[in-house]
Amino acid sequence: MNTITLQEITAASVRDIIALAVAPEQARFVAPNAVSLAQALFHPEAWYRAIVADATPVGFVMLEDPTQLPEPPAVPYLVLWRFMIDARFQRQGYGRRALELIVDHARRKPGIAELLTSCVPGPGSPEAFYRRHGFTPTGDFDDGETVLRRSL
């Protein structure tokens, strides 16, 4: 398998990241990467990276990381805000490996005990993927999305 890394997005790579897309039937589950990058401009707590297999961009991740704020919360937390693997690269282990790297990143953050995420319920939802990788439903919903947590 290729070496998977999380890399900063640069002027040289941004177009490649924007061009990545999930399958049409998955589009209702994750915002396009261009929208995510635009939102990151207005959210200083956004931590985002390209998911790269060797030299090929295959996906995108964005965390909500309020520890980056000038006045971080008293109880730190991390939320997996966006996570996608391009349709051409799905079912090849890239998502699993990228999620492992995200969890490793979260574990290195002082005071972080869990990683949260949410997803739209329904057929084709990524919830099953998250459950296979240690996330469990909290019983909460955020804007109609199922909230899940993974202990670190």
C-alpha atoms as a PDB file:
ATOM      1  CA  MET A   1       0.000   0.000   0.000  1.00  0.00           C
ATOM      2  CA  ASN A   2       1.090   3.564  -0.633  1.00  0.00           C
ATOM      3  CA  THR A   3       2.391   5.738   2.184  1.00  0.00           C
ATOM      4  CA  ILE A   4      -0.453   7.951   3.427  1.00  0.00           C
ATOM      5  CA  THR A   5       0.341  11.384   4.860  1.00  0.00           C
ATOM      6  CA  LEU A   6      -1.596  14.456   5.950  1.00  0.00           C
ATOM      7  CA  GLN A   7      -0.060  17.454   4.192  1.00  0.00           C
ATOM      8  CA  GLU A   8      -0.627  21.177   4.381  1.00  0.00           C
ATOM      9  CA  ILE A   9      -2.491  22.536   1.382  1.00  0.00           C
ATOM     10  CA  THR A  10      -0.442  25.013  -0.621  1.00  0.00           C
ATOM     11  CA  ALA A  11      -0.971  27.296  -3.583  1.00  0.00           C
ATOM     12  CA  ALA A  12       0.520  24.513  -5.693  1.00  0.00           C
ATOM     13  CA  SER A  13      -1.855  21.829  -4.380  1.00  0.00           C
ATOM     14  CA  VAL A  14      -5.135  23.660  -3.728  1.00  0.00           C
ATOM     15  CA  ARG A  15      -6.607  23.036  -7.188  1.00  0.00           C
ATOM     16  CA  ASP A  16      -5.914  19.309  -6.902  1.00  0.00           C
ATOM     17  CA  ILE A  17      -7.693  19.233  -3.526  1.00  0.00           C
ATOM     18  CA  ILE A  18     -10.670  21.198  -4.842  1.00  0.00           C
ATOM     19  CA  ALA A  19     -10.953  18.746  -7.754  1.00  0.00           C
ATOM     20  CA  LEU A  20     -11.375  15.737  -5.430  1.00  0.00           C
ATOM     21  CA  ALA A  21     -14.974  14.558  -5.090  1.00  0.00           C
ATOM     22  CA  VAL A  22     -16.996  11.730  -3.636  1.00  0.00           C
ATOM     23  CA  ALA A  23     -19.371   9.677  -5.796  1.00  0.00           C
ATOM     24  CA  PRO A  24     -22.574  11.529  -6.771  1.00  0.00           C
ATOM     25  CA  GLU A  25     -24.683   9.366  -4.425  1.00  0.00           C
ATOM     26  CA  GLN A  26     -22.394  10.391  -1.526  1.00  0.00           C
ATOM     27  CA  ALA A  27     -22.499  14.140  -2.210  1.00  0.00           C
ATOM     28  CA  ARG A  28     -25.261  14.747   0.351  1.00  0.00           C
ATOM     29  CA  PHE A  29     -22.969  13.497   3.126  1.00  0.00           C
ATOM     30  CA  VAL A  30     -20.015  15.912   2.793  1.00  0.00           C
ATOM     31  CA  ALA A  31     -19.513  19.449   1.508  1.00  0.00           C
ATOM     32  CA  PRO A  32     -17.304  19.984  -1.550  1.00  0.00           C
ATOM     33  CA  ASN A  33     -13.701  20.697  -0.632  1.00  0.00           C
ATOM     34  CA  ALA A  34     -13.913  24.209  -2.095  1.00  0.00           C
ATOM     35  CA  VAL A  35     -16.706  25.018   0.381  1.00  0.00           C
ATOM     36  CA  SER A  36     -14.710  23.534   3.273  1.00  0.00           C
ATOM     37  CA  LEU A  37     -11.622  25.553   2.376  1.00  0.00           C
ATOM     38  CA  ALA A  38     -13.708  28.725   2.086  1.00  0.00           C
ATOM     39  CA  GLN A  39     -15.238  28.066   5.516  1.00  0.00           C
ATOM     40  CA  ALA A  40     -11.761  27.525   6.963  1.00  0.00           C
ATOM     41  CA  LEU A  41     -10.898  31.126   6.032  1.00  0.00           C
ATOM     42  CA  PHE A  42     -13.457  32.326   8.591  1.00  0.00           C
ATOM     43  CA  HIS A  43     -12.840  29.744  11.310  1.00  0.00           C
ATOM     44  CA  PRO A  44      -9.458  30.108  13.044  1.00  0.00           C
ATOM     45  CA  GLU A  45     -10.190  26.828  14.815  1.00  0.00           C
ATOM     46  CA  ALA A  46     -10.140  24.963  11.475  1.00  0.00           C
ATOM     47  CA  TRP A  47      -7.196  22.584  11.036  1.00  0.00           C
ATOM     48  CA  TYR A  48      -7.184  21.095   7.542  1.00  0.00           C
ATOM     49  CA  ARG A  49      -4.933  18.896   5.453  1.00  0.00           C
ATOM     50  CA  ALA A  50      -4.749  17.060   2.160  1.00  0.00           C
ATOM     51  CA  ILE A  51      -4.732  13.276   2.426  1.00  0.00           C
ATOM     52  CA  VAL A  52      -1.916  12.161   0.132  1.00  0.00           C
ATOM     53  CA  ALA A  53      -0.941   8.670  -1.035  1.00  0.00           C
ATOM     54  CA  ASP A  54       2.728   8.913  -1.969  1.00  0.00           C
ATOM     55  CA  ALA A  55       2.519  12.038  -4.170  1.00  0.00           C
ATOM     56  CA  THR A  56      -1.156  11.713  -5.171  1.00  0.00           C
ATOM     57  CA  PRO A  57      -3.872  13.707  -3.363  1.00  0.00           C
ATOM     58  CA  VAL A  58      -6.674  11.262  -2.508  1.00  0.00           C
ATOM     59  CA  GLY A  59      -8.742  13.111   0.096  1.00  0.00           C
ATOM     60  CA  PHE A  60      -9.290  15.959   2.511  1.00  0.00           C
ATOM     61  CA  VAL A  61      -9.737  16.311   6.258  1.00  0.00           C
ATOM     62  CA  MET A  62     -10.730  19.262   8.419  1.00  0.00           C
ATOM     63  CA  LEU A  63     -10.932  19.319  12.206  1.00  0.00           C
ATOM     64  CA  GLU A  64     -12.550  21.814  14.511  1.00  0.00           C
ATOM     65  CA  ASP A  65      -9.707  22.478  16.937  1.00  0.00           C
ATOM     66  CA  PRO A  66     -10.576  25.266  19.387  1.00  0.00           C
ATOM     67  CA  THR A  67      -7.172  24.833  21.053  1.00  0.00           C
ATOM     68  CA  GLN A  68      -5.873  26.978  18.161  1.00  0.00           C
ATOM     69  CA  LEU A  69      -7.977  29.957  19.270  1.00  0.00           C
ATOM     70  CA  PRO A  70      -6.387  32.886  21.147  1.00  0.00           C
ATOM     71  CA  GLU A  71      -8.619  31.954  24.098  1.00  0.00           C
ATOM     72  CA  PRO A  72      -9.038  28.163  23.935  1.00  0.00           C
ATOM     73  CA  PRO A  73     -11.846  26.501  25.892  1.00  0.00           C
ATOM     74  CA  ALA A  74     -11.163  25.347  29.455  1.00  0.00           C
ATOM     75  CA  VAL A  75     -12.030  21.795  28.429  1.00  0.00           C
ATOM     76  CA  PRO A  76     -10.312  21.122  25.087  1.00  0.00           C
ATOM     77  CA  TYR A  77     -12.011  19.066  22.392  1.00  0.00           C
ATOM     78  CA  LEU A  78     -11.597  18.082  18.737  1.00  0.00           C
ATOM     79  CA  VAL A  79     -14.263  17.452  16.127  1.00  0.00           C
ATOM     80  CA  LEU A  80     -13.722  15.661  12.831  1.00  0.00           C
ATOM     81  CA  TRP A  81     -15.570  18.281  10.820  1.00  0.00           C
ATOM     82  CA  ARG A  82     -14.913  17.101   7.249  1.00  0.00           C
ATOM     83  CA  PHE A  83     -13.460  13.867   5.958  1.00  0.00           C
ATOM     84  CA  MET A  84     -13.552  12.611   2.409  1.00  0.00           C
ATOM     85  CA  ILE A  85     -11.753  10.256   0.077  1.00  0.00           C
ATOM     86  CA  ASP A  86     -12.158  10.838  -3.650  1.00  0.00           C
ATOM     87  CA  ALA A  87     -14.467   8.309  -5.323  1.00  0.00           C
ATOM     88  CA  ARG A  88     -11.569   6.946  -7.401  1.00  0.00           C
ATOM     89  CA  PHE A  89      -9.605   6.033  -4.274  1.00  0.00           C
ATOM     90  CA  GLN A  90     -12.300   4.623  -2.002  1.00  0.00           C
ATOM     91  CA  ARG A  91     -12.202   1.011  -0.771  1.00  0.00           C
ATOM     92  CA  GLN A  92      -8.402   0.892  -1.017  1.00  0.00           C
ATOM     93  CA  GLY A  93      -7.633   1.485   2.675  1.00  0.00           C
ATOM     94  CA  TYR A  94      -6.834   5.190   2.323  1.00  0.00           C
ATOM     95  CA  GLY A  95      -9.722   6.288   4.534  1.00  0.00           C
ATOM     96  CA  ARG A  96      -8.797   3.828   7.278  1.00  0.00           C
ATOM     97  CA  ARG A  97      -5.137   4.857   7.232  1.00  0.00           C
ATOM     98  CA  ALA A  98      -5.978   8.581   7.110  1.00  0.00           C
ATOM     99  CA  LEU A  99      -8.327   8.161  10.073  1.00  0.00           C
ATOM    100  CA  GLU A 100      -5.509   6.463  12.004  1.00  0.00           C
ATOM    101  CA  LEU A 101      -3.299   9.498  11.307  1.00  0.00           C
ATOM    102  CA  ILE A 102      -6.073  11.835  12.444  1.00  0.00           C
ATOM    103  CA  VAL A 103      -6.472   9.863  15.678  1.00  0.00           C
ATOM    104  CA  ASP A 104      -2.680   9.975  16.197  1.00  0.00           C
ATOM    105  CA  HIS A 105      -2.784  13.753  15.697  1.00  0.00           C
ATOM    106  CA  ALA A 106      -5.608  14.041  18.244  1.00  0.00           C
ATOM    107  CA  ARG A 107      -3.726  11.917  20.784  1.00  0.00           C
ATOM    108  CA  ARG A 108      -0.768  14.301  20.626  1.00  0.00           C
ATOM    109  CA  LYS A 109      -2.967  17.248  21.655  1.00  0.00           C
ATOM    110  CA  PRO A 110      -2.746  17.859  25.433  1.00  0.00           C
ATOM    111  CA  GLY A 111      -5.979  17.256  27.311  1.00  0.00           C
ATOM    112  CA  ILE A 112      -7.893  15.697  24.419  1.00  0.00           C
ATOM    113  CA  ALA A 113      -9.634  12.509  25.548  1.00  0.00           C
ATOM    114  CA  GLU A 114     -11.985  11.893  22.629  1.00  0.00           C
ATOM    115  CA  LEU A 115     -12.617  12.740  19.005  1.00  0.00           C
ATOM    116  CA  LEU A 116     -16.143  13.684  17.993  1.00  0.00           C
ATOM    117  CA  THR A 117     -17.762  13.644  14.572  1.00  0.00           C
ATOM    118  CA  SER A 118     -21.246  13.713  13.106  1.00  0.00           C
ATOM    119  CA  CYS A 119     -22.840  12.377   9.968  1.00  0.00           C
ATOM    120  CA  VAL A 120     -26.104  12.484   8.092  1.00  0.00           C
ATOM    121  CA  PRO A 121     -28.043   9.281   8.778  1.00  0.00           C
ATOM    122  CA  GLY A 122     -29.459   7.136   6.007  1.00  0.00           C
ATOM    123  CA  PRO A 123     -28.484   4.694   3.281  1.00  0.00           C
ATOM    124  CA  GLY A 124     -24.905   5.257   2.183  1.00  0.00           C
ATOM    125  CA  SER A 125     -24.042   7.251   5.309  1.00  0.00           C
ATOM    126  CA  PRO A 126     -20.438   7.038   6.526  1.00  0.00           C
ATOM    127  CA  GLU A 127     -21.707   6.036   9.982  1.00  0.00           C
ATOM    128  CA  ALA A 128     -20.854   2.358   9.423  1.00  0.00           C
ATOM    129  CA  PHE A 129     -17.280   3.327   8.492  1.00  0.00           C
ATOM    130  CA  TYR A 130     -16.923   5.369  11.682  1.00  0.00           C
ATOM    131  CA  ARG A 131     -18.387   2.568  13.822  1.00  0.00           C
ATOM    132  CA  ARG A 132     -15.931   0.044  12.329  1.00  0.00           C
ATOM    133  CA  HIS A 133     -13.147   2.378  13.412  1.00  0.00           C
ATOM    134  CA  GLY A 134     -14.087   2.831  17.047  1.00  0.00           C
ATOM    135  CA  PHE A 135     -16.705   5.578  17.013  1.00  0.00           C
ATOM    136  CA  THR A 136     -19.941   5.062  18.919  1.00  0.00           C
ATOM    137  CA  PRO A 137     -23.142   7.127  18.797  1.00  0.00           C
ATOM    138  CA  THR A 138     -23.544   9.541  21.716  1.00  0.00           C
ATOM    139  CA  GLY A 139     -27.337   9.629  21.412  1.00  0.00           C
ATOM    140  CA  ASP A 140     -27.107  13.311  20.463  1.00  0.00           C
ATOM    141  CA  PHE A 141     -27.970  14.934  17.158  1.00  0.00           C
ATOM    142  CA  ASP A 142     -26.471  18.125  15.741  1.00  0.00           C
ATOM    143  CA  ASP A 143     -28.532  19.808  13.044  1.00  0.00           C
ATOM    144  CA  GLY A 144     -30.081  16.422  12.172  1.00  0.00           C
ATOM    145  CA  GLU A 145     -26.734  14.610  12.112  1.00  0.00           C
ATOM    146  CA  THR A 146     -25.874  11.657  14.357  1.00  0.00           C
ATOM    147  CA  VAL A 147     -23.063  12.579  16.763  1.00  0.00           C
ATOM    148  CA  LEU A 148     -20.392   9.935  17.355  1.00  0.00           C
ATOM    149  CA  ARG A 149     -17.378   9.784  19.665  1.00  0.00           C
ATOM    150  CA  ARG A 150     -14.166   7.846  19.773  1.00  0.00           C
ATOM    151  CA  SER A 151     -12.151   7.627  22.970  1.00  0.00           C
ATOM    152  CA  LEU A 152      -8.462   8.268  22.536  1.00  0.00           C
END
